[in-house]
Amino acid sequence: MTTTEHSGSGDISRSLELLWGTGERPSRGPKPGLTLERIVTAAIAIADAEGLAAVSMRRLSADLGTGTMSLYRYIPGKAELLDLMLDQVQSFDPTAHDLALGWRETLEMVARGAWQLYERHPWLLQVDQARPVLGPNAMTGLEFALRGLDGLGLTDRERVHVIVTVDGFATGVARTHLNSTMAEKRTGISDEEFWKAHGPAMEKALASGRFPMQAALDEDAFKEPDTDVREFGLKSLLDGIGAFIETRAGDAAEQ
């Protein structure tokens, strides 16, 4: 799944105005009921069903039953639309969760929430968000994560580093899982057929003596479900973060 789009690649000021509702509202277009939220929701539906490449102002106008020029009264173009799509799919209601969650439970929610987000919207993996345009939903999620790490003796930079680390892990796992599940659709070759084709070459390689550690592996070593690998990785990562937090607490006690 290759990167095809970049967040923040349009008029950043206009994207921020639209995200935060600080810009001028457009005059009513010829199609009653047309709103910015409806436009963004329709774009997300197209991307979910057909991929990000299928989203265009012309396609949106057809799905919404309005003229393409009517859309430009609400949004400058696809680049700004993408910024709004990214924030809308991150909709998060902190009041639906216990604000007294411990740091570990908070980070588990961050990771699992990211996995669920990518599973619902696989096209997100096609977007380079190295420069995210921060909207209300993104900042609400970050606020929740920061609150969960409060009072642990971590510096502000360390709290941000922890969140970025967990998010990076979750994104990487999601990318691997989704690429794997989509491989058969892209190639027409099932996982079973793909690995079966390796058989003759692998048998010779393992019998050569060059790869003794791999030759000694149990035949079930690579057969764990993705969920097992995902949870193992998350537990190990959080164990490491927990050790770091304990070290910080020890440093504070000695001062």
Protein backbone atom coordinates (compact mmCIF):
# COMPACT_ATOMS: atom_id res chain seq x y z
CA MET A 1 0.00 0.00 0.00
CA THR A 2 1.95 2.99 -1.26
CA THR A 3 1.74 6.57 -0.06
CA THR A 4 -0.21 8.68 -2.52
CA GLU A 5 -1.24 11.74 -0.54
CA HIS A 6 0.20 14.15 2.04
CA SER A 7 -1.63 15.93 4.82
CA GLY A 8 -1.13 19.67 4.95
CA SER A 9 -0.35 19.89 1.25
CA GLY A 10 -2.97 22.51 0.46
CA ASP A 11 -3.84 25.90 1.89
CA ILE A 12 -3.05 25.22 5.54
CA SER A 13 -4.70 28.40 6.80
CA ARG A 14 -7.91 27.53 4.98
CA SER A 15 -7.84 23.95 6.27
CA LEU A 16 -7.50 25.24 9.82
CA GLU A 17 -10.35 27.70 9.32
CA LEU A 18 -12.58 24.89 8.11
CA LEU A 19 -11.52 22.51 10.88
CA TRP A 20 -12.10 25.03 13.65
CA GLY A 21 -15.05 26.89 12.09
CA THR A 22 -13.29 30.25 12.13
CA GLY A 23 -13.69 31.13 8.46
CA GLU A 24 -16.61 32.74 6.66
CA ARG A 25 -19.53 30.46 6.05
CA PRO A 26 -20.39 29.94 2.37
CA SER A 27 -23.60 31.25 0.96
CA ARG A 28 -26.23 28.59 0.48
CA GLY A 29 -25.61 26.62 -2.68
CA PRO A 30 -28.21 25.46 -5.16
CA LYS A 31 -28.51 22.08 -3.43
CA PRO A 32 -30.53 22.37 -0.17
CA GLY A 33 -28.94 20.62 2.78
CA LEU A 34 -25.40 20.65 1.42
CA THR A 35 -22.97 21.20 4.30
CA LEU A 36 -19.25 20.85 4.85
CA GLU A 37 -19.83 17.90 7.18
CA ARG A 38 -21.93 16.15 4.57
CA ILE A 39 -19.25 16.68 1.95
CA VAL A 40 -16.51 15.27 4.17
CA THR A 41 -18.68 12.31 5.22
CA ALA A 42 -19.37 11.48 1.58
CA ALA A 43 -15.65 11.67 0.75
CA ILE A 44 -14.82 9.28 3.59
CA ALA A 45 -17.49 6.84 2.37
CA ILE A 46 -15.94 6.84 -1.11
CA ALA A 47 -12.43 6.32 0.27
CA ASP A 48 -13.60 3.48 2.54
CA ALA A 49 -15.30 1.69 -0.34
CA GLU A 50 -12.93 2.34 -3.24
CA GLY A 51 -9.71 3.84 -1.91
CA LEU A 52 -8.40 7.37 -1.65
CA ALA A 53 -7.66 7.66 -5.36
CA ALA A 54 -11.39 7.46 -6.09
CA VAL A 55 -12.06 10.67 -4.16
CA SER A 56 -12.34 13.72 -6.41
CA MET A 57 -14.46 16.83 -6.45
CA ARG A 58 -16.21 15.57 -9.58
CA ARG A 59 -16.99 12.20 -7.99
CA LEU A 60 -18.21 13.91 -4.81
CA SER A 61 -20.53 16.18 -6.74
CA ALA A 62 -22.02 13.17 -8.51
CA ASP A 63 -22.60 11.29 -5.24
CA LEU A 64 -24.07 14.36 -3.58
CA GLY A 65 -26.22 15.24 -6.59
CA THR A 66 -24.87 18.74 -7.02
CA GLY A 67 -22.67 20.65 -9.43
CA THR A 68 -18.92 20.43 -8.94
CA MET A 69 -18.62 24.20 -8.65
CA SER A 70 -21.06 24.14 -5.73
CA LEU A 71 -18.50 22.18 -3.69
CA TYR A 72 -15.91 24.90 -4.12
CA ARG A 73 -18.16 27.25 -2.16
CA TYR A 74 -17.41 25.05 0.84
CA ILE A 75 -13.87 23.78 0.30
CA PRO A 76 -10.98 24.85 -1.96
CA GLY A 77 -10.03 21.41 -3.24
CA LYS A 78 -9.00 17.83 -2.50
CA ALA A 79 -5.93 18.74 -0.45
CA GLU A 80 -7.97 20.68 2.09
CA LEU A 81 -10.71 18.04 1.92
CA LEU A 82 -8.16 15.41 2.92
CA ASP A 83 -7.19 17.40 6.01
CA LEU A 84 -10.85 17.44 7.07
CA MET A 85 -11.28 13.75 6.33
CA LEU A 86 -8.29 12.88 8.49
CA ASP A 87 -9.66 14.78 11.45
CA GLN A 88 -13.23 13.56 11.08
CA VAL A 89 -12.31 9.87 11.18
CA GLN A 90 -10.44 10.52 14.44
CA SER A 91 -13.66 11.58 16.19
CA PHE A 92 -13.17 10.79 19.87
CA ASP A 93 -15.46 11.34 22.84
CA PRO A 94 -13.38 11.44 26.03
CA THR A 95 -16.52 11.54 28.18
CA ALA A 96 -17.26 7.98 27.05
CA HIS A 97 -14.15 6.75 28.88
CA ASP A 98 -13.04 6.68 32.48
CA LEU A 99 -10.75 9.67 32.93
CA ALA A 100 -9.21 7.92 35.93
CA LEU A 101 -7.63 5.25 33.74
CA GLY A 102 -4.03 4.43 34.57
CA TRP A 103 -1.23 5.18 32.14
CA ARG A 104 -1.08 1.62 30.86
CA GLU A 105 -4.81 1.36 30.18
CA THR A 106 -4.66 4.74 28.44
CA LEU A 107 -1.86 3.65 26.11
CA GLU A 108 -3.61 0.36 25.41
CA MET A 109 -6.62 2.38 24.30
CA VAL A 110 -4.39 4.55 22.12
CA ALA A 111 -2.88 1.52 20.37
CA ARG A 112 -6.07 -0.48 19.99
CA GLY A 113 -7.96 2.61 18.90
CA ALA A 114 -5.37 3.15 16.16
CA TRP A 115 -5.71 -0.45 14.97
CA GLN A 116 -9.48 -0.13 14.80
CA LEU A 117 -9.18 3.18 12.98
CA TYR A 118 -6.95 1.72 10.27
CA GLU A 119 -9.16 -1.36 9.91
CA ARG A 120 -12.21 0.87 9.36
CA HIS A 121 -10.34 3.23 7.03
CA PRO A 122 -7.46 1.37 5.30
CA TRP A 123 -6.84 4.37 3.03
CA LEU A 124 -5.26 6.16 6.01
CA LEU A 125 -2.11 4.15 5.36
CA GLN A 126 -1.85 5.86 1.99
CA VAL A 127 -1.48 9.26 3.63
CA ASP A 128 1.84 10.68 4.76
CA GLN A 129 0.97 12.56 7.95
CA ALA A 130 4.46 13.76 8.78
CA ARG A 131 2.93 17.27 8.89
CA PRO A 132 -0.57 16.80 10.31
CA VAL A 133 -2.98 19.70 10.28
CA LEU A 134 -4.31 19.67 13.85
CA GLY A 135 -8.06 19.77 14.12
CA PRO A 136 -10.35 19.42 17.15
CA ASN A 137 -10.67 15.63 17.01
CA ALA A 138 -6.94 15.03 16.73
CA MET A 139 -6.25 17.39 19.62
CA THR A 140 -9.00 15.83 21.76
CA GLY A 141 -7.36 12.41 21.35
CA LEU A 142 -3.94 13.82 22.19
CA GLU A 143 -5.36 15.56 25.26
CA PHE A 144 -6.75 12.23 26.47
CA ALA A 145 -3.39 10.50 26.03
CA LEU A 146 -1.46 13.30 27.73
CA ARG A 147 -3.83 13.26 30.69
CA GLY A 148 -3.25 9.53 31.11
CA LEU A 149 0.48 10.15 31.43
CA ASP A 150 0.14 13.04 33.86
CA GLY A 151 1.58 12.85 37.37
CA LEU A 152 4.17 10.16 36.57
CA GLY A 153 7.24 12.34 36.86
CA LEU A 154 7.79 12.44 33.10
CA THR A 155 8.80 15.62 31.36
CA ASP A 156 6.48 17.06 28.73
CA ARG A 157 8.85 15.90 26.01
CA GLU A 158 8.98 12.39 27.47
CA ARG A 159 5.17 12.17 27.55
CA VAL A 160 5.02 13.19 23.90
CA HIS A 161 7.77 10.70 23.03
CA VAL A 162 5.85 7.90 24.72
CA ILE A 163 2.67 8.69 22.78
CA VAL A 164 4.55 8.97 19.47
CA THR A 165 6.29 5.65 20.16
CA VAL A 166 3.05 3.80 20.87
CA ASP A 167 1.32 5.38 17.87
CA GLY A 168 4.26 4.48 15.63
CA PHE A 169 4.12 0.87 16.81
CA ALA A 170 0.37 0.69 16.23
CA THR A 171 0.67 2.19 12.75
CA GLY A 172 3.45 -0.22 11.77
CA VAL A 173 1.48 -3.25 12.94
CA ALA A 174 -1.62 -2.01 11.15
CA ARG A 175 0.33 -1.50 7.93
CA THR A 176 1.75 -5.02 8.04
CA HIS A 177 -1.65 -6.58 8.80
CA LEU A 178 -3.58 -4.64 6.15
CA ASN A 179 -0.94 -5.17 3.47
CA SER A 180 -1.10 -8.88 4.22
CA THR A 181 -4.88 -9.06 4.04
CA MET A 182 -4.95 -7.05 0.81
CA ALA A 183 -2.16 -9.00 -0.91
CA GLU A 184 -4.50 -11.67 -2.26
CA LYS A 185 -6.80 -9.03 -3.77
CA ARG A 186 -3.87 -7.27 -5.41
CA THR A 187 -2.18 -10.38 -6.80
CA GLY A 188 -4.86 -13.04 -7.07
CA ILE A 189 -2.56 -15.38 -5.16
CA SER A 190 -3.63 -16.69 -1.75
CA ASP A 191 -1.27 -16.78 1.23
CA GLU A 192 -1.25 -20.57 1.06
CA GLU A 193 -0.29 -20.54 -2.62
CA PHE A 194 2.35 -17.86 -2.04
CA TRP A 195 4.18 -19.74 0.71
CA LYS A 196 3.75 -23.10 -0.98
CA ALA A 197 5.68 -21.72 -3.94
CA HIS A 198 8.62 -21.14 -1.58
CA GLY A 199 8.72 -24.82 -0.62
CA PRO A 200 11.39 -26.27 -2.96
CA ALA A 201 13.76 -23.31 -2.58
CA MET A 202 13.39 -23.17 1.20
CA GLU A 203 13.95 -26.90 1.63
CA LYS A 204 17.28 -26.64 -0.21
CA ALA A 205 18.28 -23.49 1.68
CA LEU A 206 17.56 -24.96 5.10
CA ALA A 207 19.26 -28.25 4.22
CA SER A 208 22.43 -26.39 3.17
CA GLY A 209 23.52 -25.70 6.74
CA ARG A 210 23.81 -21.97 6.13
CA PHE A 211 20.77 -21.14 8.27
CA PRO A 212 20.91 -23.44 11.31
CA MET A 213 18.82 -21.20 13.57
CA GLN A 214 16.01 -21.04 11.02
CA ALA A 215 16.24 -24.75 10.27
CA ALA A 216 15.75 -25.49 13.97
CA LEU A 217 12.59 -23.40 14.28
CA ASP A 218 9.37 -25.19 15.13
CA GLU A 219 7.12 -25.41 12.07
CA ASP A 220 4.43 -23.45 13.93
CA ALA A 221 6.75 -20.53 14.75
CA PHE A 222 5.24 -18.29 12.09
CA LYS A 223 1.63 -19.46 12.40
CA GLU A 224 0.47 -17.19 15.20
CA PRO A 225 -2.49 -14.98 14.27
CA ASP A 226 -1.73 -11.30 13.72
CA THR A 227 -3.65 -10.51 16.89
CA ASP A 228 -1.22 -12.61 18.96
CA VAL A 229 1.79 -10.80 17.52
CA ARG A 230 0.06 -7.45 17.99
CA GLU A 231 -0.79 -8.04 21.64
CA PHE A 232 2.66 -9.51 22.37
CA GLY A 233 4.32 -6.44 20.89
CA LEU A 234 2.06 -4.04 22.77
CA LYS A 235 2.61 -5.80 26.10
CA SER A 236 6.37 -5.81 25.62
CA LEU A 237 6.41 -2.15 24.60
CA LEU A 238 4.32 -1.10 27.59
CA ASP A 239 6.46 -3.20 29.92
CA GLY A 240 9.46 -1.21 28.70
CA ILE A 241 7.65 2.09 29.16
CA GLY A 242 6.62 0.96 32.64
CA ALA A 243 10.25 0.30 33.53
CA PHE A 244 11.15 3.77 32.28
CA ILE A 245 8.40 5.32 34.42
CA GLU A 246 9.64 3.43 37.48
CA THR A 247 13.15 4.73 36.83
CA ARG A 248 11.84 8.27 36.66
CA ALA A 249 9.93 7.76 39.91
CA GLY A 250 13.11 6.45 41.56
CA ASP A 251 15.10 9.43 40.35
CA ALA A 252 12.50 11.78 41.80
CA ALA A 253 12.55 9.98 45.17
CA GLU A 254 16.32 10.38 45.43
CA GLN A 255 16.18 14.12 44.89
